[in-house]
Amino acid sequence: MKKHKVLVTGVAGFIGSNLADRLLAAGHEVVGIDNLAYGRLEQVPKGVDFRKLDIRSEDIRPAFKGVDVVFHMAAKNDLVACQLDPVETMSINVHGTANVFEAARRAEVRKVVFSSSSALEEGEARLKGFYAISKTACEAIAEGYRAAFELNYVLPRYFNVYGPRQDYRRKNPPVVSALMIKVMKNEAPTLYDNCEENKRDFVYVDDLSDFHLLCLDDDRLNNRLFRLGTGVSVSMKEVWEAVKKVTGSKLSPVIKPHSVHDTPTVTLADITDAKKFGWSPKTSFEAGLKAQFEYLKKEFAAGKIV
């Protein structure tokens, strides 16, 4: 495999830091950008040329010099927080993405891999949310830079990503982290009465990294959209049962009525296109949950989860 100089935005975050680990292990040179608003400096792998920068600032441009491929992972992605602050959501996600593509264009980067979201495929109600609106705009920005400047892109739409370093510190943590933290605190988790109909396609973070590594050298992926999941939907009830098994918990969940605005949603990734290029998810849900629980147990023991 050819060695590349690669830039990762959001390198101190969940997906970005895991990707940086894999890139370094494969022998690539990695430049990392993060303003540490959401990411954690301790998660930036040793060996990354780290720059504490905001993707909205023109100060990022020197970091792109000599870079072959950019992986743009930085975003505001807590759906509830995005809905409460649409201006900041658009500033980070839309303005920030346009600034990353502009920096890439000026530096003559070969391609930008932009992390999009399955929120764009979860029904009309979700599409009206500010997070999905921002991601729709970002996908249009990618195509705009290709059309205007011949800057190649790859658009992976992530489904529900889980695994070590998932951001449990958010006010509204992702469901897997939320359930596991309840177990570690010996507190009954909350499920809602639509938990059997509310289903998600969960994909393990390292399986995403497999796809990202393909993007480096396979130009057949350029200027295409790929849905990255497992092709299997798991209900929230089944998620709890799987977490219960992995953690050995004896707790029983508290079942509450769901909000009238909380329409049950089923996400299911059609991964046909990604599989045509040699990618497929390898990690079973149970194995991925075990890895995430081991990570969270260490965080809990270190006093980082309160």
Protein backbone atom coordinates (compact mmCIF):
# COMPACT_ATOMS: atom_id res chain seq x y z
CA MET A 1 0.00 0.00 0.00
CA LYS A 2 1.23 3.46 -0.93
CA LYS A 3 2.01 5.72 2.04
CA HIS A 4 0.14 9.01 2.20
CA LYS A 5 0.10 12.26 4.10
CA VAL A 6 -3.40 12.38 5.55
CA LEU A 7 -5.30 15.04 7.48
CA VAL A 8 -8.09 14.16 9.94
CA THR A 9 -10.43 16.83 11.29
CA GLY A 10 -12.02 15.96 14.62
CA VAL A 11 -8.98 13.84 15.42
CA ALA A 12 -9.60 14.04 19.17
CA GLY A 13 -13.12 12.71 18.81
CA PHE A 14 -14.65 9.25 18.66
CA ILE A 15 -14.40 8.25 15.00
CA GLY A 16 -11.47 10.53 14.16
CA SER A 17 -9.17 9.20 16.87
CA ASN A 18 -9.95 5.58 16.01
CA LEU A 19 -9.23 6.30 12.35
CA ALA A 20 -5.95 8.04 13.20
CA ASP A 21 -4.83 4.91 15.08
CA ARG A 22 -5.43 2.79 12.00
CA LEU A 23 -3.76 5.26 9.64
CA LEU A 24 -0.63 5.41 11.78
CA ALA A 25 -0.54 1.62 12.11
CA ALA A 26 -0.61 1.40 8.31
CA GLY A 27 2.41 3.71 8.07
CA HIS A 28 0.72 6.91 6.91
CA GLU A 29 1.70 10.40 8.04
CA VAL A 30 -1.21 11.93 9.95
CA VAL A 31 -1.96 15.59 10.60
CA GLY A 32 -4.82 16.11 13.04
CA ILE A 33 -7.06 19.13 13.63
CA ASP A 34 -9.41 19.58 16.58
CA ASN A 35 -10.46 22.60 18.65
CA LEU A 36 -11.09 20.29 21.66
CA ALA A 37 -14.60 21.66 22.16
CA TYR A 38 -15.91 18.10 22.07
CA GLY A 39 -12.82 15.95 21.54
CA ARG A 40 -10.29 14.99 24.21
CA LEU A 41 -6.58 15.64 23.81
CA GLU A 42 -5.75 12.33 25.52
CA GLN A 43 -7.49 10.51 22.66
CA VAL A 44 -5.17 11.94 19.99
CA PRO A 45 -2.81 9.05 19.14
CA LYS A 46 0.91 9.51 19.61
CA GLY A 47 2.47 10.13 16.25
CA VAL A 48 -0.22 12.54 15.04
CA ASP A 49 0.98 16.01 14.07
CA PHE A 50 -1.71 17.69 16.15
CA ARG A 51 -2.95 21.25 15.57
CA LYS A 52 -5.47 22.81 17.96
CA LEU A 53 -7.56 24.69 15.41
CA ASP A 54 -11.20 25.44 14.66
CA ILE A 55 -12.38 24.20 11.25
CA ARG A 56 -14.18 27.52 10.75
CA SER A 57 -10.93 29.47 10.81
CA GLU A 58 -8.69 30.21 7.84
CA ASP A 59 -5.82 29.32 10.18
CA ILE A 60 -6.35 25.68 9.20
CA ARG A 61 -5.00 26.25 5.68
CA PRO A 62 -1.26 25.74 6.39
CA ALA A 63 -2.02 22.32 7.91
CA PHE A 64 -3.27 21.11 4.50
CA LYS A 65 0.06 21.67 2.75
CA GLY A 66 1.28 18.48 1.09
CA VAL A 67 -1.77 16.47 2.20
CA ASP A 68 -3.05 13.78 -0.19
CA VAL A 69 -6.38 12.89 1.43
CA VAL A 70 -8.55 14.66 4.01
CA PHE A 71 -10.95 12.83 6.32
CA HIS A 72 -13.43 15.42 7.55
CA MET A 73 -14.95 14.09 10.80
CA ALA A 74 -15.34 17.28 12.87
CA ALA A 75 -18.98 18.21 13.52
CA LYS A 76 -21.61 19.14 16.05
CA ASN A 77 -23.57 15.90 16.15
CA ASP A 78 -25.72 15.73 19.29
CA LEU A 79 -29.15 15.91 17.66
CA VAL A 80 -30.85 17.48 20.69
CA ALA A 81 -28.09 20.07 21.13
CA CYS A 82 -28.19 20.83 17.40
CA GLN A 83 -31.92 21.44 17.61
CA LEU A 84 -31.50 23.81 20.54
CA ASP A 85 -28.80 25.87 18.82
CA PRO A 86 -29.34 25.93 15.04
CA VAL A 87 -27.00 28.86 14.47
CA GLU A 88 -24.01 27.12 16.04
CA THR A 89 -24.96 23.90 14.25
CA MET A 90 -24.83 25.64 10.87
CA SER A 91 -21.68 27.50 11.82
CA ILE A 92 -19.74 24.37 12.74
CA ASN A 93 -21.19 21.90 10.28
CA VAL A 94 -21.88 24.01 7.20
CA HIS A 95 -19.42 26.90 7.46
CA GLY A 96 -16.78 24.55 8.86
CA THR A 97 -17.24 22.04 6.05
CA ALA A 98 -17.07 24.72 3.35
CA ASN A 99 -13.85 26.01 4.96
CA VAL A 100 -12.34 22.50 4.99
CA PHE A 101 -13.16 21.98 1.31
CA GLU A 102 -11.74 25.41 0.47
CA ALA A 103 -8.53 24.65 2.34
CA ALA A 104 -8.32 21.32 0.51
CA ARG A 105 -8.87 23.01 -2.84
CA ARG A 106 -6.18 25.60 -2.24
CA ALA A 107 -3.70 22.91 -1.16
CA GLU A 108 -4.54 20.73 -4.18
CA VAL A 109 -5.61 17.82 -1.99
CA ARG A 110 -6.52 14.74 -4.05
CA LYS A 111 -9.81 13.94 -2.29
CA VAL A 112 -11.93 14.70 0.77
CA VAL A 113 -13.79 11.94 2.61
CA PHE A 114 -16.71 13.61 4.38
CA SER A 115 -18.64 11.88 7.17
CA SER A 116 -22.37 12.18 6.55
CA SER A 117 -25.23 10.63 8.49
CA SER A 118 -28.15 8.22 8.30
CA ALA A 119 -30.22 11.07 9.79
CA LEU A 120 -30.89 11.94 6.14
CA GLU A 121 -32.74 8.63 5.74
CA GLU A 122 -34.86 8.55 8.91
CA GLY A 123 -38.06 10.14 7.68
CA GLU A 124 -39.52 13.58 7.17
CA ALA A 125 -39.52 14.54 10.85
CA ARG A 126 -35.78 13.89 11.15
CA LEU A 127 -35.06 15.69 7.87
CA LYS A 128 -36.64 18.83 9.29
CA GLY A 129 -34.20 18.83 12.21
CA PHE A 130 -31.25 21.20 12.10
CA TYR A 131 -28.65 18.43 12.27
CA ALA A 132 -30.03 16.75 9.14
CA ILE A 133 -30.42 20.12 7.43
CA SER A 134 -26.74 20.83 8.09
CA LYS A 135 -25.65 17.44 6.72
CA THR A 136 -27.78 17.90 3.60
CA ALA A 137 -26.03 21.21 2.99
CA CYS A 138 -22.62 19.61 3.53
CA GLU A 139 -23.29 16.89 0.96
CA ALA A 140 -24.23 19.63 -1.49
CA ILE A 141 -20.99 21.48 -0.68
CA ALA A 142 -18.98 18.36 -1.55
CA GLU A 143 -20.69 18.03 -4.92
CA GLY A 144 -20.34 21.77 -5.50
CA TYR A 145 -16.56 21.65 -5.04
CA ARG A 146 -16.35 18.68 -7.41
CA ALA A 147 -18.40 20.44 -10.07
CA ALA A 148 -16.62 23.79 -9.75
CA PHE A 149 -13.05 22.73 -8.97
CA GLU A 150 -12.79 18.98 -9.74
CA LEU A 151 -12.07 18.22 -6.09
CA ASN A 152 -12.91 14.56 -5.56
CA TYR A 153 -14.91 13.44 -2.55
CA VAL A 154 -16.29 10.27 -0.97
CA LEU A 155 -19.54 10.48 1.03
CA PRO A 156 -19.96 7.69 3.60
CA ARG A 157 -23.26 7.99 5.45
CA TYR A 158 -22.69 6.48 8.87
CA PHE A 159 -25.50 4.65 10.58
CA ASN A 160 -25.36 4.22 14.37
CA VAL A 161 -21.66 4.00 15.19
CA TYR A 162 -20.55 2.50 18.50
CA GLY A 163 -17.32 1.33 20.11
CA PRO A 164 -14.45 2.54 22.31
CA ARG A 165 -14.18 6.34 22.75
CA GLN A 166 -17.83 6.96 21.94
CA ASP A 167 -18.57 10.32 23.56
CA TYR A 168 -20.39 9.42 26.76
CA ARG A 169 -19.88 12.95 28.16
CA ARG A 170 -22.57 14.49 25.98
CA LYS A 171 -25.69 15.76 27.71
CA ASN A 172 -27.56 13.26 25.56
CA PRO A 173 -25.11 10.34 25.25
CA PRO A 174 -25.58 7.68 22.55
CA VAL A 175 -27.78 4.80 23.63
CA VAL A 176 -25.07 2.14 24.04
CA SER A 177 -22.94 4.34 26.30
CA ALA A 178 -26.00 5.52 28.21
CA LEU A 179 -27.13 1.97 28.99
CA MET A 180 -23.66 0.79 29.98
CA ILE A 181 -23.11 3.75 32.28
CA LYS A 182 -26.41 3.00 34.01
CA VAL A 183 -25.19 -0.56 34.59
CA MET A 184 -21.88 0.62 36.06
CA LYS A 185 -23.74 2.98 38.40
CA ASN A 186 -26.20 0.21 39.28
CA GLU A 187 -29.10 2.39 38.15
CA ALA A 188 -32.10 1.05 36.25
CA PRO A 189 -31.97 2.18 32.61
CA THR A 190 -34.95 3.83 30.96
CA LEU A 191 -36.65 2.34 27.93
CA TYR A 192 -39.78 3.61 26.23
CA ASP A 193 -42.94 1.74 25.36
CA ASN A 194 -42.05 1.85 21.66
CA CYS A 195 -38.71 0.14 22.29
CA GLU A 196 -39.61 -2.89 20.19
CA GLU A 197 -40.50 -0.83 17.12
CA ASN A 198 -37.68 1.71 17.50
CA LYS A 199 -34.81 0.03 15.63
CA ARG A 200 -31.33 1.07 14.52
CA ASP A 201 -28.59 -0.33 12.33
CA PHE A 202 -25.45 -0.33 14.52
CA VAL A 203 -21.95 -0.41 13.01
CA TYR A 204 -18.69 -0.83 14.92
CA VAL A 205 -16.20 2.04 14.67
CA ASP A 206 -13.27 -0.08 13.47
CA ASP A 207 -15.37 -1.42 10.60
CA LEU A 208 -15.78 2.19 9.47
CA SER A 209 -12.00 2.58 9.56
CA ASP A 210 -11.72 -0.38 7.18
CA PHE A 211 -13.81 1.54 4.67
CA HIS A 212 -11.84 4.74 5.18
CA LEU A 213 -8.58 2.96 4.41
CA LEU A 214 -10.09 1.76 1.13
CA CYS A 215 -10.78 5.38 0.21
CA LEU A 216 -7.07 6.22 0.21
CA ASP A 217 -6.12 4.36 -2.96
CA ASP A 218 -9.29 3.16 -4.66
CA ASP A 219 -10.41 6.02 -6.86
CA ARG A 220 -13.44 4.03 -8.00
CA LEU A 221 -15.04 5.25 -4.75
CA ASN A 222 -14.62 8.90 -5.76
CA ASN A 223 -17.67 11.13 -5.99
CA ARG A 224 -20.03 8.48 -4.70
CA LEU A 225 -22.32 8.01 -1.71
CA PHE A 226 -21.99 4.90 0.47
CA ARG A 227 -24.22 3.74 3.29
CA LEU A 228 -22.21 2.18 6.10
CA GLY A 229 -24.01 -0.06 8.54
CA THR A 230 -24.45 -3.79 8.91
CA GLY A 231 -27.70 -4.29 7.03
CA VAL A 232 -29.35 -5.45 10.28
CA SER A 233 -31.70 -3.43 12.49
CA VAL A 234 -31.71 -3.96 16.25
CA SER A 235 -34.57 -2.73 18.44
CA MET A 236 -33.89 -0.71 21.57
CA LYS A 237 -35.23 -3.64 23.58
CA GLU A 238 -32.73 -5.96 21.87
CA VAL A 239 -29.93 -3.46 22.49
CA TRP A 240 -30.70 -3.55 26.20
CA GLU A 241 -30.80 -7.34 26.21
CA ALA A 242 -27.41 -7.45 24.45
CA VAL A 243 -25.90 -4.91 26.89
CA LYS A 244 -27.35 -6.86 29.80
CA LYS A 245 -25.69 -10.05 28.54
CA VAL A 246 -22.30 -8.43 27.91
CA THR A 247 -22.21 -6.62 31.25
CA GLY A 248 -23.75 -9.40 33.33
CA SER A 249 -26.31 -6.96 34.67
CA LYS A 250 -29.31 -8.12 36.71
CA LEU A 251 -31.09 -4.76 36.38
CA SER A 252 -34.54 -4.38 34.88
CA PRO A 253 -35.38 -1.30 32.82
CA VAL A 254 -37.98 1.29 33.74
CA ILE A 255 -40.51 1.53 30.90
CA LYS A 256 -41.90 5.02 30.27
CA PRO A 257 -44.41 6.35 27.72
CA HIS A 258 -42.76 7.74 24.64
CA SER A 259 -43.34 11.31 23.59
CA VAL A 260 -46.03 12.01 20.99
CA HIS A 261 -43.22 13.51 18.92
CA ASP A 262 -41.06 10.38 19.22
CA THR A 263 -42.19 8.38 16.19
CA PRO A 264 -40.64 4.90 16.09
CA THR A 265 -37.94 4.79 13.46
CA VAL A 266 -36.24 1.94 11.68
CA THR A 267 -32.82 2.53 10.13
CA LEU A 268 -31.38 -0.09 7.83
CA ALA A 269 -28.31 0.49 5.70
CA ASP A 270 -28.24 -0.82 2.15
CA ILE A 271 -24.52 -1.69 2.04
CA THR A 272 -24.65 -3.22 -1.46
CA ASP A 273 -22.50 -0.51 -3.06
CA ALA A 274 -19.81 -0.62 -0.37
CA LYS A 275 -19.61 -4.41 -0.63
CA LYS A 276 -18.94 -4.14 -4.37
CA PHE A 277 -15.63 -2.49 -3.50
CA GLY A 278 -14.55 -5.11 -0.99
CA TRP A 279 -15.93 -3.66 2.25
CA SER A 280 -18.18 -5.46 4.67
CA PRO A 281 -18.68 -5.15 8.44
CA LYS A 282 -16.70 -7.78 10.34
CA THR A 283 -17.53 -7.13 13.99
CA SER A 284 -20.49 -8.86 15.62
CA PHE A 285 -22.73 -6.73 17.83
CA GLU A 286 -21.73 -8.75 20.91
CA ALA A 287 -17.99 -8.45 20.21
CA GLY A 288 -18.31 -4.71 19.62
CA LEU A 289 -20.29 -4.22 22.81
CA LYS A 290 -17.66 -6.13 24.79
CA ALA A 291 -14.93 -3.82 23.47
CA GLN A 292 -16.96 -0.73 24.30
CA PHE A 293 -17.75 -1.99 27.80
CA GLU A 294 -14.07 -2.69 28.50
CA TYR A 295 -13.27 0.89 27.49
CA LEU A 296 -16.02 2.36 29.66
CA LYS A 297 -15.00 0.26 32.65
CA LYS A 298 -11.50 1.78 32.47
CA GLU A 299 -12.98 5.28 32.24
CA PHE A 300 -15.21 4.52 35.23
CA ALA A 301 -12.32 3.13 37.28
CA ALA A 302 -10.30 6.26 36.50
CA GLY A 303 -13.07 8.45 37.90
CA LYS A 304 -13.92 10.01 34.54
CA ILE A 305 -17.54 8.90 34.62
CA VAL A 306 -19.46 10.60 37.42
